Amino acid sequence: MQGDNFVMEWVILFVMSWIIFFVFIDFRQLKRNIWGGILAAVLQLVTDTQAINQGLYTVNEPVISIMGSSLFFTAGPVFTVGTLFSQLHPKKRWLRIVNIFAISALFFLQEILLILSGNLAYTNWHFTSSLFINVCVMIVLSWFSIVVLDKKEDVAR
């Protein structure tokens, strides 16, 4: 019975992510911003694969496993938030910093919920490690949005 709960939780997370995505996405900019989602998914898979292989944490009942992680997680919140992060990337420098910490905190909260639900289990990992990784990934996504997707800062502050 517990396995059914894990399946449902991964699916709910996936569906909620895509609902939020469709509410906020600007389809005219999708061709450009989708690269932020792809980069986010790649970074998540690389990070999770390494951590899982090193026994730092485990993903329980991923439903459809992709390199040890859940496809519903990678294609759900990671991809959709990465795409929206690029689309909604602030032009003002100070807002970029706020954005990095806000999105990192939201992913951190999501991780806590995944741990409390039993979908994720820390073996040799700590919350501060996740928070640090989240901030680093958001910095990379921000750099990518600025440099590669050319979302430069407004001159007027």
C-alpha atoms as a PDB file:
ATOM      1  CA  MET A   1       0.000   0.000   0.000  1.00  0.00           C
ATOM      2  CA  GLN A   2       2.856   2.384   0.787  1.00  0.00           C
ATOM      3  CA  GLY A   3       4.170   1.972  -2.789  1.00  0.00           C
ATOM      4  CA  ASP A   4       0.855   3.255  -4.140  1.00  0.00           C
ATOM      5  CA  ASN A   5       1.256   6.403  -2.031  1.00  0.00           C
ATOM      6  CA  PHE A   6       4.749   6.958  -3.430  1.00  0.00           C
ATOM      7  CA  VAL A   7       3.435   6.637  -6.972  1.00  0.00           C
ATOM      8  CA  MET A   8       0.594   9.045  -6.317  1.00  0.00           C
ATOM      9  CA  GLU A   9       2.871  11.630  -4.684  1.00  0.00           C
ATOM     10  CA  TRP A  10       5.298  11.631  -7.642  1.00  0.00           C
ATOM     11  CA  VAL A  11       2.391  11.967 -10.080  1.00  0.00           C
ATOM     12  CA  ILE A  12       0.778  14.785  -8.056  1.00  0.00           C
ATOM     13  CA  LEU A  13       4.109  16.652  -7.969  1.00  0.00           C
ATOM     14  CA  PHE A  14       4.443  16.216 -11.736  1.00  0.00           C
ATOM     15  CA  VAL A  15       0.869  17.343 -12.496  1.00  0.00           C
ATOM     16  CA  MET A  16       1.068  20.365 -10.163  1.00  0.00           C
ATOM     17  CA  SER A  17       4.321  21.453 -11.828  1.00  0.00           C
ATOM     18  CA  TRP A  18       2.786  21.292 -15.282  1.00  0.00           C
ATOM     19  CA  ILE A  19      -0.344  23.166 -14.180  1.00  0.00           C
ATOM     20  CA  ILE A  20       1.842  25.972 -12.834  1.00  0.00           C
ATOM     21  CA  PHE A  21       3.896  25.819 -16.027  1.00  0.00           C
ATOM     22  CA  PHE A  22       0.851  26.267 -18.275  1.00  0.00           C
ATOM     23  CA  VAL A  23      -0.468  29.121 -16.120  1.00  0.00           C
ATOM     24  CA  PHE A  24       2.756  31.144 -16.362  1.00  0.00           C
ATOM     25  CA  ILE A  25       4.456  30.119 -19.614  1.00  0.00           C
ATOM     26  CA  ASP A  26       4.691  32.572 -22.477  1.00  0.00           C
ATOM     27  CA  PHE A  27       4.541  30.307 -25.521  1.00  0.00           C
ATOM     28  CA  ARG A  28       6.047  33.034 -27.704  1.00  0.00           C
ATOM     29  CA  GLN A  29       9.271  32.778 -25.660  1.00  0.00           C
ATOM     30  CA  LEU A  30       9.220  28.999 -25.173  1.00  0.00           C
ATOM     31  CA  LYS A  31      11.702  28.177 -27.955  1.00  0.00           C
ATOM     32  CA  ARG A  32      14.300  30.317 -26.183  1.00  0.00           C
ATOM     33  CA  ASN A  33      13.518  29.573 -22.528  1.00  0.00           C
ATOM     34  CA  ILE A  34      13.099  25.822 -22.841  1.00  0.00           C
ATOM     35  CA  TRP A  35      16.899  25.607 -22.744  1.00  0.00           C
ATOM     36  CA  GLY A  36      16.796  26.712 -19.103  1.00  0.00           C
ATOM     37  CA  GLY A  37      14.547  23.739 -18.361  1.00  0.00           C
ATOM     38  CA  ILE A  38      16.820  21.367 -20.248  1.00  0.00           C
ATOM     39  CA  LEU A  39      19.885  22.664 -18.395  1.00  0.00           C
ATOM     40  CA  ALA A  40      18.062  22.367 -15.056  1.00  0.00           C
ATOM     41  CA  ALA A  41      17.145  18.750 -15.843  1.00  0.00           C
ATOM     42  CA  VAL A  42      20.719  17.905 -16.856  1.00  0.00           C
ATOM     43  CA  LEU A  43      22.156  19.519 -13.707  1.00  0.00           C
ATOM     44  CA  GLN A  44      19.622  17.702 -11.520  1.00  0.00           C
ATOM     45  CA  LEU A  45      20.327  14.339 -13.134  1.00  0.00           C
ATOM     46  CA  VAL A  46      24.097  14.745 -12.843  1.00  0.00           C
ATOM     47  CA  THR A  47      23.854  15.844  -9.204  1.00  0.00           C
ATOM     48  CA  ASP A  48      21.340  13.185  -8.174  1.00  0.00           C
ATOM     49  CA  THR A  49      23.103  10.376 -10.038  1.00  0.00           C
ATOM     50  CA  GLN A  50      26.386  11.159  -8.314  1.00  0.00           C
ATOM     51  CA  ALA A  51      24.786  11.517  -4.874  1.00  0.00           C
ATOM     52  CA  ILE A  52      22.726   8.338  -5.261  1.00  0.00           C
ATOM     53  CA  ASN A  53      25.724   6.342  -6.547  1.00  0.00           C
ATOM     54  CA  GLN A  54      27.795   7.566  -3.582  1.00  0.00           C
ATOM     55  CA  GLY A  55      25.054   6.503  -1.174  1.00  0.00           C
ATOM     56  CA  LEU A  56      24.317  10.010   0.056  1.00  0.00           C
ATOM     57  CA  TYR A  57      20.560   9.650  -0.377  1.00  0.00           C
ATOM     58  CA  THR A  58      18.028   7.388  -2.050  1.00  0.00           C
ATOM     59  CA  VAL A  59      14.888   7.970  -4.062  1.00  0.00           C
ATOM     60  CA  ASN A  60      12.147   5.558  -2.981  1.00  0.00           C
ATOM     61  CA  GLU A  61       9.779   4.123  -5.563  1.00  0.00           C
ATOM     62  CA  PRO A  62      10.630   6.603  -8.344  1.00  0.00           C
ATOM     63  CA  VAL A  63       7.852   5.040 -10.519  1.00  0.00           C
ATOM     64  CA  ILE A  64       9.951   5.504 -13.657  1.00  0.00           C
ATOM     65  CA  SER A  65      13.624   5.649 -12.766  1.00  0.00           C
ATOM     66  CA  ILE A  66      15.968   7.820 -14.759  1.00  0.00           C
ATOM     67  CA  MET A  67      19.539   7.378 -13.549  1.00  0.00           C
ATOM     68  CA  GLY A  68      18.260   6.623 -10.024  1.00  0.00           C
ATOM     69  CA  SER A  69      15.998   9.648  -9.844  1.00  0.00           C
ATOM     70  CA  SER A  70      12.299   9.893 -10.637  1.00  0.00           C
ATOM     71  CA  LEU A  71      11.351  10.836 -14.190  1.00  0.00           C
ATOM     72  CA  PHE A  72       8.291  12.520 -12.685  1.00  0.00           C
ATOM     73  CA  PHE A  73      10.603  14.789 -10.658  1.00  0.00           C
ATOM     74  CA  THR A  74      13.006  15.554 -13.517  1.00  0.00           C
ATOM     75  CA  ALA A  75      10.286  16.170 -16.120  1.00  0.00           C
ATOM     76  CA  GLY A  76       8.010  17.827 -13.582  1.00  0.00           C
ATOM     77  CA  PRO A  77       9.284  20.487 -11.177  1.00  0.00           C
ATOM     78  CA  VAL A  78      12.892  20.527 -12.386  1.00  0.00           C
ATOM     79  CA  PHE A  79      12.180  21.041 -16.082  1.00  0.00           C
ATOM     80  CA  THR A  80       9.184  23.352 -15.633  1.00  0.00           C
ATOM     81  CA  VAL A  81      10.807  25.548 -12.999  1.00  0.00           C
ATOM     82  CA  GLY A  82      14.023  25.722 -15.048  1.00  0.00           C
ATOM     83  CA  THR A  83      12.063  26.945 -18.056  1.00  0.00           C
ATOM     84  CA  LEU A  84      10.016  29.426 -16.029  1.00  0.00           C
ATOM     85  CA  PHE A  85      13.165  30.571 -14.205  1.00  0.00           C
ATOM     86  CA  SER A  86      14.658  31.547 -17.571  1.00  0.00           C
ATOM     87  CA  GLN A  87      11.462  33.183 -18.790  1.00  0.00           C
ATOM     88  CA  LEU A  88      10.908  35.215 -15.634  1.00  0.00           C
ATOM     89  CA  HIS A  89      14.583  36.033 -15.034  1.00  0.00           C
ATOM     90  CA  PRO A  90      14.753  39.533 -13.496  1.00  0.00           C
ATOM     91  CA  LYS A  91      16.661  42.226 -15.310  1.00  0.00           C
ATOM     92  CA  LYS A  92      17.726  44.069 -12.154  1.00  0.00           C
ATOM     93  CA  ARG A  93      20.793  42.640 -10.451  1.00  0.00           C
ATOM     94  CA  TRP A  94      19.451  42.791  -6.896  1.00  0.00           C
ATOM     95  CA  LEU A  95      16.248  41.013  -7.958  1.00  0.00           C
ATOM     96  CA  ARG A  96      18.341  38.241  -9.514  1.00  0.00           C
ATOM     97  CA  ILE A  97      19.916  37.597  -6.129  1.00  0.00           C
ATOM     98  CA  VAL A  98      16.512  37.559  -4.439  1.00  0.00           C
ATOM     99  CA  ASN A  99      15.216  35.235  -7.174  1.00  0.00           C
ATOM    100  CA  ILE A 100      18.106  32.794  -6.726  1.00  0.00           C
ATOM    101  CA  PHE A 101      17.486  32.507  -2.988  1.00  0.00           C
ATOM    102  CA  ALA A 102      13.683  32.383  -3.321  1.00  0.00           C
ATOM    103  CA  ILE A 103      13.681  29.556  -5.884  1.00  0.00           C
ATOM    104  CA  SER A 104      16.395  27.718  -3.944  1.00  0.00           C
ATOM    105  CA  ALA A 105      14.255  27.948  -0.811  1.00  0.00           C
ATOM    106  CA  LEU A 106      11.211  26.614  -2.686  1.00  0.00           C
ATOM    107  CA  PHE A 107      13.187  23.612  -3.960  1.00  0.00           C
ATOM    108  CA  PHE A 108      14.483  23.106  -0.419  1.00  0.00           C
ATOM    109  CA  LEU A 109      10.927  23.115   0.927  1.00  0.00           C
ATOM    110  CA  GLN A 110       9.920  20.624  -1.746  1.00  0.00           C
ATOM    111  CA  GLU A 111      12.815  18.382  -0.709  1.00  0.00           C
ATOM    112  CA  ILE A 112      11.736  18.519   2.929  1.00  0.00           C
ATOM    113  CA  LEU A 113       8.229  17.472   1.863  1.00  0.00           C
ATOM    114  CA  LEU A 114       9.684  14.588  -0.178  1.00  0.00           C
ATOM    115  CA  ILE A 115      11.646  13.453   2.886  1.00  0.00           C
ATOM    116  CA  LEU A 116       8.637  13.733   5.202  1.00  0.00           C
ATOM    117  CA  SER A 117       6.542  11.714   2.736  1.00  0.00           C
ATOM    118  CA  GLY A 118       9.228   9.021   2.500  1.00  0.00           C
ATOM    119  CA  ASN A 119       9.876   9.524  -1.213  1.00  0.00           C
ATOM    120  CA  LEU A 120      13.430  10.637  -0.456  1.00  0.00           C
ATOM    121  CA  ALA A 121      15.706   9.308   2.284  1.00  0.00           C
ATOM    122  CA  TYR A 122      18.968  10.823   3.452  1.00  0.00           C
ATOM    123  CA  THR A 123      21.673   8.256   4.105  1.00  0.00           C
ATOM    124  CA  ASN A 124      24.771  10.396   4.484  1.00  0.00           C
ATOM    125  CA  TRP A 125      23.438  13.820   3.485  1.00  0.00           C
ATOM    126  CA  HIS A 126      22.270  16.948   5.260  1.00  0.00           C
ATOM    127  CA  PHE A 127      19.779  19.714   4.559  1.00  0.00           C
ATOM    128  CA  THR A 128      22.557  22.309   4.382  1.00  0.00           C
ATOM    129  CA  SER A 129      24.195  20.332   1.574  1.00  0.00           C
ATOM    130  CA  SER A 130      20.971  20.476  -0.410  1.00  0.00           C
ATOM    131  CA  LEU A 131      20.521  24.172   0.217  1.00  0.00           C
ATOM    132  CA  PHE A 132      24.083  24.830  -0.953  1.00  0.00           C
ATOM    133  CA  ILE A 133      23.593  22.730  -4.117  1.00  0.00           C
ATOM    134  CA  ASN A 134      20.257  24.464  -4.832  1.00  0.00           C
ATOM    135  CA  VAL A 135      21.836  27.921  -4.609  1.00  0.00           C
ATOM    136  CA  CYS A 136      24.746  26.853  -6.842  1.00  0.00           C
ATOM    137  CA  VAL A 137      22.387  25.422  -9.471  1.00  0.00           C
ATOM    138  CA  MET A 138      20.260  28.592  -9.437  1.00  0.00           C
ATOM    139  CA  ILE A 139      23.409  30.684  -9.879  1.00  0.00           C
ATOM    140  CA  VAL A 140      24.351  28.562 -12.911  1.00  0.00           C
ATOM    141  CA  LEU A 141      20.818  28.907 -14.325  1.00  0.00           C
ATOM    142  CA  SER A 142      20.960  32.659 -13.743  1.00  0.00           C
ATOM    143  CA  TRP A 143      24.332  32.905 -15.494  1.00  0.00           C
ATOM    144  CA  PHE A 144      22.929  30.806 -18.359  1.00  0.00           C
ATOM    145  CA  SER A 145      19.932  33.130 -18.681  1.00  0.00           C
ATOM    146  CA  ILE A 146      22.152  36.218 -18.728  1.00  0.00           C
ATOM    147  CA  VAL A 147      24.973  34.999 -20.966  1.00  0.00           C
ATOM    148  CA  VAL A 148      23.496  32.323 -23.214  1.00  0.00           C
ATOM    149  CA  LEU A 149      19.868  33.458 -23.405  1.00  0.00           C
ATOM    150  CA  ASP A 150      21.031  37.113 -23.448  1.00  0.00           C
ATOM    151  CA  LYS A 151      18.828  38.443 -20.647  1.00  0.00           C
ATOM    152  CA  LYS A 152      21.046  41.372 -19.756  1.00  0.00           C
ATOM    153  CA  GLU A 153      20.490  43.868 -16.990  1.00  0.00           C
ATOM    154  CA  ASP A 154      18.430  46.996 -17.575  1.00  0.00           C
ATOM    155  CA  VAL A 155      20.603  50.099 -17.703  1.00  0.00           C
ATOM    156  CA  ALA A 156      18.166  52.148 -15.595  1.00  0.00           C
ATOM    157  CA  ARG A 157      18.082  50.934 -12.006  1.00  0.00           C
END
